[in-house]
Protein backbone atom coordinates (compact mmCIF):
# COMPACT_ATOMS: atom_id res chain seq x y z
CA UNK A 1 0.00 0.00 0.00
CA UNK A 2 1.40 3.40 -0.98
CA UNK A 3 1.41 6.24 1.54
CA UNK A 4 -0.29 9.46 0.62
CA UNK A 5 1.67 12.70 0.74
CA UNK A 6 1.93 13.98 4.29
CA UNK A 7 0.74 10.67 5.80
CA UNK A 8 2.82 9.45 8.71
CA UNK A 9 3.64 5.76 9.01
CA UNK A 10 3.94 3.86 12.26
CA UNK A 11 5.24 4.97 15.60
CA UNK A 12 8.90 4.88 14.51
CA UNK A 13 8.32 7.44 11.76
CA UNK A 14 6.36 9.71 14.07
CA UNK A 15 9.18 9.44 16.63
CA UNK A 16 11.78 10.38 13.97
CA UNK A 17 9.68 13.37 12.97
CA UNK A 18 9.35 14.47 16.60
CA UNK A 19 13.10 14.11 17.28
CA UNK A 20 14.04 15.87 14.03
CA UNK A 21 11.75 18.83 14.63
CA UNK A 22 12.83 19.16 18.27
CA UNK A 23 16.46 19.13 17.14
CA UNK A 24 15.80 21.88 14.57
CA UNK A 25 14.11 24.06 17.19
CA UNK A 26 17.01 23.53 19.63
CA UNK A 27 19.76 24.07 17.02
CA UNK A 28 18.41 27.32 15.59
CA UNK A 29 17.36 28.49 19.05
CA UNK A 30 20.98 28.27 20.23
CA UNK A 31 22.28 29.80 17.00
CA UNK A 32 19.88 32.74 17.05
CA UNK A 33 20.35 33.44 20.77
CA UNK A 34 24.03 34.14 20.14
CA UNK A 35 25.07 30.83 21.72
CA UNK A 36 26.96 29.55 18.68
CA UNK A 37 29.87 28.17 20.78
CA UNK A 38 27.36 25.81 22.45
CA UNK A 39 26.54 24.26 19.06
CA UNK A 40 29.86 22.35 19.17
CA UNK A 41 28.31 20.12 21.84
CA UNK A 42 25.81 18.83 19.29
CA UNK A 43 28.57 17.31 17.13
CA UNK A 44 30.79 14.25 17.66
CA UNK A 45 34.28 15.24 18.84
CA UNK A 46 36.12 13.46 16.02
CA UNK A 47 33.81 12.04 13.34
CA UNK A 48 31.33 14.87 12.62
CA UNK A 49 31.64 16.77 9.34
CA UNK A 50 30.25 20.19 8.42
CA UNK A 51 30.17 21.38 4.82
CA UNK A 52 29.46 25.12 5.01
CA UNK A 53 29.14 26.83 1.64
CA UNK A 54 31.53 24.23 0.20
CA UNK A 55 34.15 24.46 2.96
CA UNK A 56 34.72 21.34 5.06
CA UNK A 57 35.24 21.26 8.83
CA UNK A 58 35.96 18.03 10.74
CA UNK A 59 35.20 17.35 14.40
CA UNK A 60 33.26 19.29 17.01
CA UNK A 61 36.09 21.72 17.87
CA UNK A 62 36.68 22.78 14.27
CA UNK A 63 32.95 23.04 13.58
CA UNK A 64 32.30 25.02 16.76
CA UNK A 65 35.20 27.38 16.02
CA UNK A 66 33.91 28.02 12.49
CA UNK A 67 30.32 28.67 13.60
CA UNK A 68 31.55 30.99 16.39
CA UNK A 69 33.66 33.01 13.96
CA UNK A 70 31.00 33.69 11.34
CA UNK A 71 31.21 37.39 10.38
CA UNK A 72 27.99 38.58 12.04
CA UNK A 73 26.78 39.02 15.58
CA UNK A 74 23.10 38.17 15.46
CA UNK A 75 20.98 36.15 13.08
CA UNK A 76 17.38 34.98 13.00
CA UNK A 77 16.40 31.77 11.19
CA UNK A 78 12.84 31.51 9.88
CA UNK A 79 12.30 27.82 9.18
CA UNK A 80 9.85 27.12 6.35
CA UNK A 81 10.03 23.31 6.06
CA UNK A 82 11.48 20.38 8.00
CA UNK A 83 11.55 16.95 6.36
CA UNK A 84 12.74 13.86 8.26
CA UNK A 85 13.60 10.34 7.11
CA UNK A 86 15.21 7.34 8.68
CA UNK A 87 18.84 6.86 7.68
CA UNK A 88 19.60 3.39 6.32
CA UNK A 89 23.31 3.80 7.06
CA UNK A 90 23.05 4.37 10.80
CA UNK A 91 20.74 2.33 13.00
CA UNK A 92 18.24 4.78 14.48
CA UNK A 93 19.75 7.63 12.43
CA UNK A 94 17.62 10.47 11.11
CA UNK A 95 18.11 12.66 8.06
CA UNK A 96 16.72 16.16 8.60
CA UNK A 97 16.36 18.59 5.69
CA UNK A 98 15.55 22.22 6.51
CA UNK A 99 14.65 25.12 4.25
CA UNK A 100 13.98 28.68 5.24
CA UNK A 101 15.41 32.15 5.36
CA UNK A 102 17.73 33.95 7.70
CA UNK A 103 17.91 37.58 8.64
CA UNK A 104 21.25 39.07 9.64
CA UNK A 105 21.24 42.05 12.00
CA UNK A 106 21.58 45.30 10.11
CA UNK A 107 20.67 43.74 6.74
CA UNK A 108 17.54 44.79 4.87
CA UNK A 109 16.90 41.55 2.97
CA UNK A 110 16.72 37.99 4.24
CA UNK A 111 18.70 35.14 2.65
CA UNK A 112 17.23 31.76 1.67
CA UNK A 113 19.05 28.68 2.95
CA UNK A 114 18.95 24.89 2.91
CA UNK A 115 20.55 22.69 5.55
CA UNK A 116 20.76 18.92 5.91
CA UNK A 117 21.63 17.14 9.15
CA UNK A 118 22.28 13.45 9.69
CA UNK A 119 21.53 12.71 13.32
CA UNK A 120 23.08 9.53 14.73
CA UNK A 121 22.30 7.93 18.06
CA UNK A 122 25.23 7.30 20.40
CA UNK A 123 25.54 4.15 22.48
CA UNK A 124 24.08 6.18 25.38
CA UNK A 125 20.98 6.92 23.30
CA UNK A 126 21.79 10.60 22.75
CA UNK A 127 21.62 12.06 19.23
CA UNK A 128 24.51 14.00 17.74
CA UNK A 129 25.09 15.58 14.32
CA UNK A 130 27.25 13.28 12.21
CA UNK A 131 26.89 15.25 8.97
CA UNK A 132 25.78 18.83 8.36
CA UNK A 133 25.55 20.51 4.95
CA UNK A 134 24.63 24.21 4.77
CA UNK A 135 24.05 26.30 1.63
CA UNK A 136 22.64 29.72 0.94
CA UNK A 137 20.21 29.59 -2.00
CA UNK A 138 20.90 32.31 -4.54
CA UNK A 139 18.77 33.24 -7.51
C-alpha atoms as a PDB file:
ATOM      1  CA  UNK A   1       0.000   0.000   0.000  1.00  0.00           C
ATOM      2  CA  UNK A   2       1.399   3.397  -0.983  1.00  0.00           C
ATOM      3  CA  UNK A   3       1.408   6.244   1.537  1.00  0.00           C
ATOM      4  CA  UNK A   4      -0.294   9.463   0.616  1.00  0.00           C
ATOM      5  CA  UNK A   5       1.673  12.702   0.740  1.00  0.00           C
ATOM      6  CA  UNK A   6       1.933  13.975   4.293  1.00  0.00           C
ATOM      7  CA  UNK A   7       0.744  10.674   5.795  1.00  0.00           C
ATOM      8  CA  UNK A   8       2.815   9.446   8.714  1.00  0.00           C
ATOM      9  CA  UNK A   9       3.642   5.765   9.012  1.00  0.00           C
ATOM     10  CA  UNK A  10       3.940   3.858  12.259  1.00  0.00           C
ATOM     11  CA  UNK A  11       5.242   4.968  15.603  1.00  0.00           C
ATOM     12  CA  UNK A  12       8.901   4.881  14.511  1.00  0.00           C
ATOM     13  CA  UNK A  13       8.318   7.436  11.757  1.00  0.00           C
ATOM     14  CA  UNK A  14       6.355   9.707  14.070  1.00  0.00           C
ATOM     15  CA  UNK A  15       9.175   9.439  16.631  1.00  0.00           C
ATOM     16  CA  UNK A  16      11.778  10.377  13.970  1.00  0.00           C
ATOM     17  CA  UNK A  17       9.685  13.375  12.969  1.00  0.00           C
ATOM     18  CA  UNK A  18       9.354  14.474  16.600  1.00  0.00           C
ATOM     19  CA  UNK A  19      13.103  14.111  17.285  1.00  0.00           C
ATOM     20  CA  UNK A  20      14.038  15.870  14.031  1.00  0.00           C
ATOM     21  CA  UNK A  21      11.751  18.831  14.628  1.00  0.00           C
ATOM     22  CA  UNK A  22      12.827  19.163  18.272  1.00  0.00           C
ATOM     23  CA  UNK A  23      16.457  19.132  17.142  1.00  0.00           C
ATOM     24  CA  UNK A  24      15.803  21.885  14.569  1.00  0.00           C
ATOM     25  CA  UNK A  25      14.107  24.061  17.192  1.00  0.00           C
ATOM     26  CA  UNK A  26      17.005  23.531  19.628  1.00  0.00           C
ATOM     27  CA  UNK A  27      19.764  24.072  17.021  1.00  0.00           C
ATOM     28  CA  UNK A  28      18.413  27.318  15.586  1.00  0.00           C
ATOM     29  CA  UNK A  29      17.359  28.491  19.051  1.00  0.00           C
ATOM     30  CA  UNK A  30      20.985  28.274  20.228  1.00  0.00           C
ATOM     31  CA  UNK A  31      22.281  29.799  17.002  1.00  0.00           C
ATOM     32  CA  UNK A  32      19.876  32.741  17.048  1.00  0.00           C
ATOM     33  CA  UNK A  33      20.347  33.435  20.772  1.00  0.00           C
ATOM     34  CA  UNK A  34      24.027  34.136  20.136  1.00  0.00           C
ATOM     35  CA  UNK A  35      25.068  30.830  21.725  1.00  0.00           C
ATOM     36  CA  UNK A  36      26.957  29.553  18.679  1.00  0.00           C
ATOM     37  CA  UNK A  37      29.873  28.166  20.778  1.00  0.00           C
ATOM     38  CA  UNK A  38      27.364  25.809  22.455  1.00  0.00           C
ATOM     39  CA  UNK A  39      26.545  24.259  19.063  1.00  0.00           C
ATOM     40  CA  UNK A  40      29.858  22.353  19.173  1.00  0.00           C
ATOM     41  CA  UNK A  41      28.311  20.119  21.844  1.00  0.00           C
ATOM     42  CA  UNK A  42      25.806  18.826  19.291  1.00  0.00           C
ATOM     43  CA  UNK A  43      28.575  17.311  17.130  1.00  0.00           C
ATOM     44  CA  UNK A  44      30.788  14.247  17.659  1.00  0.00           C
ATOM     45  CA  UNK A  45      34.280  15.240  18.844  1.00  0.00           C
ATOM     46  CA  UNK A  46      36.122  13.455  16.023  1.00  0.00           C
ATOM     47  CA  UNK A  47      33.807  12.045  13.339  1.00  0.00           C
ATOM     48  CA  UNK A  48      31.329  14.870  12.617  1.00  0.00           C
ATOM     49  CA  UNK A  49      31.645  16.769   9.341  1.00  0.00           C
ATOM     50  CA  UNK A  50      30.247  20.187   8.424  1.00  0.00           C
ATOM     51  CA  UNK A  51      30.166  21.384   4.823  1.00  0.00           C
ATOM     52  CA  UNK A  52      29.459  25.122   5.014  1.00  0.00           C
ATOM     53  CA  UNK A  53      29.141  26.829   1.640  1.00  0.00           C
ATOM     54  CA  UNK A  54      31.529  24.233   0.196  1.00  0.00           C
ATOM     55  CA  UNK A  55      34.152  24.459   2.965  1.00  0.00           C
ATOM     56  CA  UNK A  56      34.724  21.335   5.056  1.00  0.00           C
ATOM     57  CA  UNK A  57      35.238  21.258   8.831  1.00  0.00           C
ATOM     58  CA  UNK A  58      35.957  18.027  10.735  1.00  0.00           C
ATOM     59  CA  UNK A  59      35.201  17.349  14.397  1.00  0.00           C
ATOM     60  CA  UNK A  60      33.264  19.295  17.012  1.00  0.00           C
ATOM     61  CA  UNK A  61      36.095  21.721  17.874  1.00  0.00           C
ATOM     62  CA  UNK A  62      36.684  22.778  14.270  1.00  0.00           C
ATOM     63  CA  UNK A  63      32.946  23.038  13.579  1.00  0.00           C
ATOM     64  CA  UNK A  64      32.296  25.022  16.760  1.00  0.00           C
ATOM     65  CA  UNK A  65      35.195  27.376  16.018  1.00  0.00           C
ATOM     66  CA  UNK A  66      33.908  28.019  12.488  1.00  0.00           C
ATOM     67  CA  UNK A  67      30.320  28.671  13.600  1.00  0.00           C
ATOM     68  CA  UNK A  68      31.548  30.985  16.387  1.00  0.00           C
ATOM     69  CA  UNK A  69      33.662  33.009  13.962  1.00  0.00           C
ATOM     70  CA  UNK A  70      31.005  33.689  11.336  1.00  0.00           C
ATOM     71  CA  UNK A  71      31.212  37.388  10.384  1.00  0.00           C
ATOM     72  CA  UNK A  72      27.991  38.580  12.037  1.00  0.00           C
ATOM     73  CA  UNK A  73      26.778  39.018  15.577  1.00  0.00           C
ATOM     74  CA  UNK A  74      23.098  38.166  15.458  1.00  0.00           C
ATOM     75  CA  UNK A  75      20.979  36.154  13.081  1.00  0.00           C
ATOM     76  CA  UNK A  76      17.380  34.976  13.003  1.00  0.00           C
ATOM     77  CA  UNK A  77      16.398  31.767  11.189  1.00  0.00           C
ATOM     78  CA  UNK A  78      12.845  31.506   9.877  1.00  0.00           C
ATOM     79  CA  UNK A  79      12.296  27.819   9.183  1.00  0.00           C
ATOM     80  CA  UNK A  80       9.849  27.117   6.347  1.00  0.00           C
ATOM     81  CA  UNK A  81      10.031  23.311   6.065  1.00  0.00           C
ATOM     82  CA  UNK A  82      11.483  20.380   7.997  1.00  0.00           C
ATOM     83  CA  UNK A  83      11.547  16.948   6.359  1.00  0.00           C
ATOM     84  CA  UNK A  84      12.735  13.862   8.260  1.00  0.00           C
ATOM     85  CA  UNK A  85      13.597  10.345   7.106  1.00  0.00           C
ATOM     86  CA  UNK A  86      15.210   7.337   8.684  1.00  0.00           C
ATOM     87  CA  UNK A  87      18.839   6.863   7.681  1.00  0.00           C
ATOM     88  CA  UNK A  88      19.597   3.388   6.318  1.00  0.00           C
ATOM     89  CA  UNK A  89      23.315   3.797   7.060  1.00  0.00           C
ATOM     90  CA  UNK A  90      23.053   4.371  10.800  1.00  0.00           C
ATOM     91  CA  UNK A  91      20.737   2.332  12.998  1.00  0.00           C
ATOM     92  CA  UNK A  92      18.244   4.780  14.485  1.00  0.00           C
ATOM     93  CA  UNK A  93      19.747   7.625  12.425  1.00  0.00           C
ATOM     94  CA  UNK A  94      17.619  10.473  11.114  1.00  0.00           C
ATOM     95  CA  UNK A  95      18.112  12.661   8.058  1.00  0.00           C
ATOM     96  CA  UNK A  96      16.721  16.159   8.604  1.00  0.00           C
ATOM     97  CA  UNK A  97      16.363  18.595   5.694  1.00  0.00           C
ATOM     98  CA  UNK A  98      15.547  22.220   6.506  1.00  0.00           C
ATOM     99  CA  UNK A  99      14.646  25.121   4.247  1.00  0.00           C
ATOM    100  CA  UNK A 100      13.984  28.678   5.244  1.00  0.00           C
ATOM    101  CA  UNK A 101      15.409  32.153   5.362  1.00  0.00           C
ATOM    102  CA  UNK A 102      17.734  33.951   7.702  1.00  0.00           C
ATOM    103  CA  UNK A 103      17.908  37.583   8.636  1.00  0.00           C
ATOM    104  CA  UNK A 104      21.248  39.071   9.643  1.00  0.00           C
ATOM    105  CA  UNK A 105      21.238  42.046  12.000  1.00  0.00           C
ATOM    106  CA  UNK A 106      21.582  45.295  10.109  1.00  0.00           C
ATOM    107  CA  UNK A 107      20.674  43.738   6.745  1.00  0.00           C
ATOM    108  CA  UNK A 108      17.545  44.786   4.867  1.00  0.00           C
ATOM    109  CA  UNK A 109      16.901  41.549   2.967  1.00  0.00           C
ATOM    110  CA  UNK A 110      16.721  37.994   4.236  1.00  0.00           C
ATOM    111  CA  UNK A 111      18.701  35.143   2.653  1.00  0.00           C
ATOM    112  CA  UNK A 112      17.225  31.759   1.675  1.00  0.00           C
ATOM    113  CA  UNK A 113      19.049  28.682   2.946  1.00  0.00           C
ATOM    114  CA  UNK A 114      18.951  24.888   2.914  1.00  0.00           C
ATOM    115  CA  UNK A 115      20.548  22.689   5.554  1.00  0.00           C
ATOM    116  CA  UNK A 116      20.761  18.919   5.906  1.00  0.00           C
ATOM    117  CA  UNK A 117      21.634  17.139   9.153  1.00  0.00           C
ATOM    118  CA  UNK A 118      22.278  13.455   9.688  1.00  0.00           C
ATOM    119  CA  UNK A 119      21.531  12.706  13.316  1.00  0.00           C
ATOM    120  CA  UNK A 120      23.081   9.534  14.735  1.00  0.00           C
ATOM    121  CA  UNK A 121      22.297   7.933  18.055  1.00  0.00           C
ATOM    122  CA  UNK A 122      25.226   7.304  20.404  1.00  0.00           C
ATOM    123  CA  UNK A 123      25.543   4.150  22.481  1.00  0.00           C
ATOM    124  CA  UNK A 124      24.085   6.184  25.383  1.00  0.00           C
ATOM    125  CA  UNK A 125      20.975   6.917  23.296  1.00  0.00           C
ATOM    126  CA  UNK A 126      21.794  10.604  22.755  1.00  0.00           C
ATOM    127  CA  UNK A 127      21.622  12.058  19.230  1.00  0.00           C
ATOM    128  CA  UNK A 128      24.509  14.003  17.736  1.00  0.00           C
ATOM    129  CA  UNK A 129      25.093  15.579  14.325  1.00  0.00           C
ATOM    130  CA  UNK A 130      27.254  13.277  12.211  1.00  0.00           C
ATOM    131  CA  UNK A 131      26.889  15.251   8.968  1.00  0.00           C
ATOM    132  CA  UNK A 132      25.780  18.829   8.360  1.00  0.00           C
ATOM    133  CA  UNK A 133      25.552  20.514   4.946  1.00  0.00           C
ATOM    134  CA  UNK A 134      24.635  24.214   4.772  1.00  0.00           C
ATOM    135  CA  UNK A 135      24.054  26.304   1.632  1.00  0.00           C
ATOM    136  CA  UNK A 136      22.637  29.722   0.936  1.00  0.00           C
ATOM    137  CA  UNK A 137      20.210  29.593  -2.003  1.00  0.00           C
ATOM    138  CA  UNK A 138      20.899  32.310  -4.543  1.00  0.00           C
ATOM    139  CA  UNK A 139      18.771  33.240  -7.512  1.00  0.00           C
END
